[in-house]
């Protein structure tokens, strides 16, 4: 697990879980928590949450490595997937199909952070050869995301974080291979 402190008043914890080393994020603000992609190891996630009030869980897409502990989280905290019970966390949902048809990116403008799931990684993008994946959709999503500011930090579903500006340098290459 590692911690990242950023933004106005939001703390982000990244917990690497499961056999595929998926990044589960816990966003903390004012004693409340929002979970993004509870991939596996519910007990590990629960331990990191401590006494925080969990107000929601967001899922970037429905591959097993991103939702392995989802049912446990929803039941424990009486939540519904992708419905947040509080507006302390303001975010935009951006449809970013390509890796999967249901891929979503969550953009928190106040803190200039995006959670991209398996759509966009540091110096790479998500596979498009799996069921519901599409190179055409990936190109469209890359075009859509390229309109956002370069100074946004991106937090992917696997691996290290980056900035959108850094990743845009590779978009032309991606477009040539897709």
C-alpha atoms as a PDB file:
ATOM      1  CA  UNK A   1       0.000   0.000   0.000  1.00  0.00           C
ATOM      2  CA  UNK A   2       1.102   3.548  -0.616  1.00  0.00           C
ATOM      3  CA  UNK A   3      -0.311   6.963   0.211  1.00  0.00           C
ATOM      4  CA  UNK A   4      -0.616  10.018  -1.974  1.00  0.00           C
ATOM      5  CA  UNK A   5      -1.512  13.409  -0.533  1.00  0.00           C
ATOM      6  CA  UNK A   6      -2.891  15.833  -3.071  1.00  0.00           C
ATOM      7  CA  UNK A   7      -5.461  18.463  -3.816  1.00  0.00           C
ATOM      8  CA  UNK A   8      -7.387  20.818  -1.643  1.00  0.00           C
ATOM      9  CA  UNK A   9      -8.334  18.410   1.136  1.00  0.00           C
ATOM     10  CA  UNK A  10      -8.560  14.906  -0.327  1.00  0.00           C
ATOM     11  CA  UNK A  11      -6.208  12.095   0.627  1.00  0.00           C
ATOM     12  CA  UNK A  12      -5.822   9.136  -1.695  1.00  0.00           C
ATOM     13  CA  UNK A  13      -4.723   5.709  -0.520  1.00  0.00           C
ATOM     14  CA  UNK A  14      -3.821   3.088  -3.080  1.00  0.00           C
ATOM     15  CA  UNK A  15      -4.033  -0.529  -1.956  1.00  0.00           C
ATOM     16  CA  UNK A  16      -2.652  -3.099  -4.364  1.00  0.00           C
ATOM     17  CA  UNK A  17      -4.867  -6.180  -4.181  1.00  0.00           C
ATOM     18  CA  UNK A  18      -5.367  -9.564  -5.786  1.00  0.00           C
ATOM     19  CA  UNK A  19      -3.352 -11.832  -8.076  1.00  0.00           C
ATOM     20  CA  UNK A  20      -3.247  -9.230 -10.855  1.00  0.00           C
ATOM     21  CA  UNK A  21      -2.031  -6.424  -8.554  1.00  0.00           C
ATOM     22  CA  UNK A  22      -5.074  -4.206  -9.076  1.00  0.00           C
ATOM     23  CA  UNK A  23      -5.098  -0.701  -7.605  1.00  0.00           C
ATOM     24  CA  UNK A  24      -7.993  -0.201  -5.204  1.00  0.00           C
ATOM     25  CA  UNK A  25      -8.290   3.441  -4.193  1.00  0.00           C
ATOM     26  CA  UNK A  26      -9.691   4.910  -1.002  1.00  0.00           C
ATOM     27  CA  UNK A  27     -10.422   8.612  -1.269  1.00  0.00           C
ATOM     28  CA  UNK A  28     -10.698  10.309   2.100  1.00  0.00           C
ATOM     29  CA  UNK A  29     -12.187  13.693   2.881  1.00  0.00           C
ATOM     30  CA  UNK A  30     -13.683  15.055   6.127  1.00  0.00           C
ATOM     31  CA  UNK A  31     -13.762  11.607   7.778  1.00  0.00           C
ATOM     32  CA  UNK A  32     -15.611  10.079   4.830  1.00  0.00           C
ATOM     33  CA  UNK A  33     -14.379   7.585   2.268  1.00  0.00           C
ATOM     34  CA  UNK A  34     -15.137   6.738  -1.312  1.00  0.00           C
ATOM     35  CA  UNK A  35     -13.815   3.444  -2.672  1.00  0.00           C
ATOM     36  CA  UNK A  36     -12.812   3.002  -6.305  1.00  0.00           C
ATOM     37  CA  UNK A  37     -12.454  -0.532  -7.731  1.00  0.00           C
ATOM     38  CA  UNK A  38     -12.532  -2.887  -4.725  1.00  0.00           C
ATOM     39  CA  UNK A  39     -10.729  -5.639  -6.643  1.00  0.00           C
ATOM     40  CA  UNK A  40     -10.062  -8.283  -3.999  1.00  0.00           C
ATOM     41  CA  UNK A  41      -8.902  -8.862  -0.423  1.00  0.00           C
ATOM     42  CA  UNK A  42     -11.868  -7.310   1.348  1.00  0.00           C
ATOM     43  CA  UNK A  43     -10.195  -7.695   4.758  1.00  0.00           C
ATOM     44  CA  UNK A  44      -7.209  -5.648   3.558  1.00  0.00           C
ATOM     45  CA  UNK A  45      -9.525  -2.895   2.262  1.00  0.00           C
ATOM     46  CA  UNK A  46     -11.560  -2.970   5.471  1.00  0.00           C
ATOM     47  CA  UNK A  47      -8.423  -2.580   7.574  1.00  0.00           C
ATOM     48  CA  UNK A  48      -7.356   0.508   5.594  1.00  0.00           C
ATOM     49  CA  UNK A  49     -10.807   2.068   5.930  1.00  0.00           C
ATOM     50  CA  UNK A  50     -10.641   1.949   9.713  1.00  0.00           C
ATOM     51  CA  UNK A  51     -13.391   4.116  11.204  1.00  0.00           C
ATOM     52  CA  UNK A  52     -14.051   6.172   8.084  1.00  0.00           C
ATOM     53  CA  UNK A  53     -17.663   6.592   7.013  1.00  0.00           C
ATOM     54  CA  UNK A  54     -17.909   4.860   3.629  1.00  0.00           C
ATOM     55  CA  UNK A  55     -20.294   6.854   1.460  1.00  0.00           C
ATOM     56  CA  UNK A  56     -19.894   5.135  -1.891  1.00  0.00           C
ATOM     57  CA  UNK A  57     -18.118   2.757  -4.213  1.00  0.00           C
ATOM     58  CA  UNK A  58     -17.267   3.489  -7.832  1.00  0.00           C
ATOM     59  CA  UNK A  59     -16.348   0.865 -10.416  1.00  0.00           C
ATOM     60  CA  UNK A  60     -14.370   1.707 -13.548  1.00  0.00           C
ATOM     61  CA  UNK A  61     -15.367  -1.532 -15.318  1.00  0.00           C
ATOM     62  CA  UNK A  62     -16.547  -5.020 -14.462  1.00  0.00           C
ATOM     63  CA  UNK A  63     -13.537  -7.284 -14.953  1.00  0.00           C
ATOM     64  CA  UNK A  64     -13.070  -9.709 -12.064  1.00  0.00           C
ATOM     65  CA  UNK A  65      -9.855  -8.089 -10.850  1.00  0.00           C
ATOM     66  CA  UNK A  66     -11.693  -4.782 -10.273  1.00  0.00           C
ATOM     67  CA  UNK A  67     -14.838  -6.110  -8.568  1.00  0.00           C
ATOM     68  CA  UNK A  68     -13.716  -9.131  -6.535  1.00  0.00           C
ATOM     69  CA  UNK A  69     -14.603  -7.489  -3.208  1.00  0.00           C
ATOM     70  CA  UNK A  70     -17.470  -5.367  -4.557  1.00  0.00           C
ATOM     71  CA  UNK A  71     -20.278  -7.522  -3.164  1.00  0.00           C
ATOM     72  CA  UNK A  72     -18.677  -7.522   0.306  1.00  0.00           C
ATOM     73  CA  UNK A  73     -18.270  -3.734   0.273  1.00  0.00           C
ATOM     74  CA  UNK A  74     -21.842  -3.131  -0.874  1.00  0.00           C
ATOM     75  CA  UNK A  75     -23.258  -5.445   1.787  1.00  0.00           C
ATOM     76  CA  UNK A  76     -21.054  -4.202   4.641  1.00  0.00           C
ATOM     77  CA  UNK A  77     -21.888  -0.532   4.069  1.00  0.00           C
ATOM     78  CA  UNK A  78     -25.426  -0.890   2.626  1.00  0.00           C
ATOM     79  CA  UNK A  79     -24.399   0.797  -0.602  1.00  0.00           C
ATOM     80  CA  UNK A  80     -25.308   0.606  -4.259  1.00  0.00           C
ATOM     81  CA  UNK A  81     -22.609   0.521  -6.898  1.00  0.00           C
ATOM     82  CA  UNK A  82     -21.793   3.904  -8.492  1.00  0.00           C
ATOM     83  CA  UNK A  83     -24.216   5.802  -6.218  1.00  0.00           C
ATOM     84  CA  UNK A  84     -22.595   8.147  -3.711  1.00  0.00           C
ATOM     85  CA  UNK A  85     -24.631   9.136  -0.629  1.00  0.00           C
ATOM     86  CA  UNK A  86     -22.911  12.489  -0.124  1.00  0.00           C
ATOM     87  CA  UNK A  87     -21.754  15.384  -2.248  1.00  0.00           C
ATOM     88  CA  UNK A  88     -18.469  16.139  -0.464  1.00  0.00           C
ATOM     89  CA  UNK A  89     -16.845  14.271  -3.347  1.00  0.00           C
ATOM     90  CA  UNK A  90     -17.733  16.077  -6.555  1.00  0.00           C
ATOM     91  CA  UNK A  91     -16.770  14.216  -9.715  1.00  0.00           C
ATOM     92  CA  UNK A  92     -17.578  13.773 -13.365  1.00  0.00           C
ATOM     93  CA  UNK A  93     -18.247  10.363 -14.898  1.00  0.00           C
ATOM     94  CA  UNK A  94     -16.647  10.074 -18.333  1.00  0.00           C
ATOM     95  CA  UNK A  95     -17.591   7.111 -20.526  1.00  0.00           C
ATOM     96  CA  UNK A  96     -14.279   5.788 -21.867  1.00  0.00           C
ATOM     97  CA  UNK A  97     -15.080   2.539 -23.704  1.00  0.00           C
ATOM     98  CA  UNK A  98     -12.315   0.693 -25.476  1.00  0.00           C
ATOM     99  CA  UNK A  99     -10.882  -1.731 -22.940  1.00  0.00           C
ATOM    100  CA  UNK A 100     -14.487  -2.720 -22.210  1.00  0.00           C
ATOM    101  CA  UNK A 101     -17.801  -1.316 -23.364  1.00  0.00           C
ATOM    102  CA  UNK A 102     -18.631  -0.256 -19.774  1.00  0.00           C
ATOM    103  CA  UNK A 103     -15.309   1.474 -18.977  1.00  0.00           C
ATOM    104  CA  UNK A 104     -15.639   4.722 -17.040  1.00  0.00           C
ATOM    105  CA  UNK A 105     -13.166   7.346 -15.895  1.00  0.00           C
ATOM    106  CA  UNK A 106     -13.906   9.394 -12.778  1.00  0.00           C
ATOM    107  CA  UNK A 107     -12.611  12.972 -12.826  1.00  0.00           C
ATOM    108  CA  UNK A 108     -12.401  15.007  -9.614  1.00  0.00           C
ATOM    109  CA  UNK A 109     -11.926  18.539 -10.936  1.00  0.00           C
ATOM    110  CA  UNK A 110     -11.347  20.191  -7.542  1.00  0.00           C
ATOM    111  CA  UNK A 111      -8.294  18.002  -6.953  1.00  0.00           C
ATOM    112  CA  UNK A 112      -7.312  17.564 -10.619  1.00  0.00           C
ATOM    113  CA  UNK A 113      -7.281  13.756 -10.485  1.00  0.00           C
ATOM    114  CA  UNK A 114      -8.700  11.040 -12.743  1.00  0.00           C
ATOM    115  CA  UNK A 115      -9.208   7.381 -11.991  1.00  0.00           C
ATOM    116  CA  UNK A 116      -8.916   5.637 -15.340  1.00  0.00           C
ATOM    117  CA  UNK A 117      -9.252   1.944 -14.503  1.00  0.00           C
ATOM    118  CA  UNK A 118      -7.819  -0.082 -17.382  1.00  0.00           C
ATOM    119  CA  UNK A 119      -8.593   2.543 -20.017  1.00  0.00           C
ATOM    120  CA  UNK A 120      -5.331   4.455 -19.590  1.00  0.00           C
ATOM    121  CA  UNK A 121      -2.113   3.479 -17.818  1.00  0.00           C
ATOM    122  CA  UNK A 122       1.257   5.141 -17.412  1.00  0.00           C
ATOM    123  CA  UNK A 123       2.712   5.014 -20.946  1.00  0.00           C
ATOM    124  CA  UNK A 124       0.114   2.523 -22.182  1.00  0.00           C
ATOM    125  CA  UNK A 125      -3.585   1.888 -22.684  1.00  0.00           C
ATOM    126  CA  UNK A 126      -5.882  -1.023 -21.891  1.00  0.00           C
ATOM    127  CA  UNK A 127      -6.144  -4.136 -24.032  1.00  0.00           C
ATOM    128  CA  UNK A 128      -8.870  -3.987 -26.653  1.00  0.00           C
ATOM    129  CA  UNK A 129      -8.817  -7.677 -27.625  1.00  0.00           C
ATOM    130  CA  UNK A 130     -10.896  -8.957 -24.705  1.00  0.00           C
ATOM    131  CA  UNK A 131     -14.712  -9.414 -24.831  1.00  0.00           C
ATOM    132  CA  UNK A 132     -16.479  -6.038 -25.393  1.00  0.00           C
ATOM    133  CA  UNK A 133     -13.135  -4.353 -26.118  1.00  0.00           C
ATOM    134  CA  UNK A 134     -12.856  -2.195 -29.233  1.00  0.00           C
ATOM    135  CA  UNK A 135     -10.003  -0.344 -30.905  1.00  0.00           C
ATOM    136  CA  UNK A 136     -12.498   2.039 -32.527  1.00  0.00           C
ATOM    137  CA  UNK A 137     -14.014   2.850 -29.119  1.00  0.00           C
ATOM    138  CA  UNK A 138     -10.520   3.261 -27.626  1.00  0.00           C
ATOM    139  CA  UNK A 139      -9.619   5.830 -30.294  1.00  0.00           C
ATOM    140  CA  UNK A 140     -12.811   7.746 -29.571  1.00  0.00           C
ATOM    141  CA  UNK A 141     -12.120   7.681 -25.816  1.00  0.00           C
ATOM    142  CA  UNK A 142      -8.530   8.875 -26.297  1.00  0.00           C
ATOM    143  CA  UNK A 143      -9.818  11.772 -28.405  1.00  0.00           C
ATOM    144  CA  UNK A 144     -12.384  12.622 -25.723  1.00  0.00           C
ATOM    145  CA  UNK A 145      -9.893  12.529 -22.835  1.00  0.00           C
ATOM    146  CA  UNK A 146      -7.303  14.557 -24.766  1.00  0.00           C
ATOM    147  CA  UNK A 147      -9.500  17.645 -24.341  1.00  0.00           C
ATOM    148  CA  UNK A 148      -8.863  17.685 -20.571  1.00  0.00           C
ATOM    149  CA  UNK A 149      -5.982  19.714 -19.028  1.00  0.00           C
ATOM    150  CA  UNK A 150      -2.459  18.315 -18.984  1.00  0.00           C
ATOM    151  CA  UNK A 151      -1.988  18.910 -15.233  1.00  0.00           C
ATOM    152  CA  UNK A 152      -4.485  16.219 -14.218  1.00  0.00           C
ATOM    153  CA  UNK A 153      -2.967  13.315 -12.282  1.00  0.00           C
ATOM    154  CA  UNK A 154      -4.137   9.938 -13.539  1.00  0.00           C
ATOM    155  CA  UNK A 155      -4.497   6.924 -11.286  1.00  0.00           C
ATOM    156  CA  UNK A 156      -4.878   3.710 -13.288  1.00  0.00           C
ATOM    157  CA  UNK A 157      -6.209   0.296 -12.366  1.00  0.00           C
ATOM    158  CA  UNK A 158      -2.704  -1.197 -12.352  1.00  0.00           C
ATOM    159  CA  UNK A 159       0.771   0.260 -11.969  1.00  0.00           C
ATOM    160  CA  UNK A 160       2.057   3.736 -11.271  1.00  0.00           C
ATOM    161  CA  UNK A 161       0.302   7.071 -11.567  1.00  0.00           C
ATOM    162  CA  UNK A 162       1.145   9.697 -14.174  1.00  0.00           C
ATOM    163  CA  UNK A 163      -0.213  12.945 -15.568  1.00  0.00           C
ATOM    164  CA  UNK A 164      -2.533  13.348 -18.488  1.00  0.00           C
ATOM    165  CA  UNK A 165      -0.011  15.656 -20.148  1.00  0.00           C
ATOM    166  CA  UNK A 166       2.630  12.955 -20.007  1.00  0.00           C
ATOM    167  CA  UNK A 167       0.236  10.372 -21.451  1.00  0.00           C
ATOM    168  CA  UNK A 168      -0.941  12.610 -24.301  1.00  0.00           C
ATOM    169  CA  UNK A 169       2.604  12.377 -25.735  1.00  0.00           C
ATOM    170  CA  UNK A 170       1.825   8.746 -26.624  1.00  0.00           C
ATOM    171  CA  UNK A 171      -1.669   9.221 -28.094  1.00  0.00           C
ATOM    172  CA  UNK A 172      -0.462   9.687 -31.682  1.00  0.00           C
ATOM    173  CA  UNK A 173       1.470   6.427 -31.451  1.00  0.00           C
ATOM    174  CA  UNK A 174      -1.569   4.635 -29.984  1.00  0.00           C
ATOM    175  CA  UNK A 175      -3.714   5.907 -32.845  1.00  0.00           C
ATOM    176  CA  UNK A 176      -1.272   4.411 -35.346  1.00  0.00           C
ATOM    177  CA  UNK A 177      -1.355   0.945 -33.779  1.00  0.00           C
ATOM    178  CA  UNK A 178      -5.070   0.701 -33.035  1.00  0.00           C
END
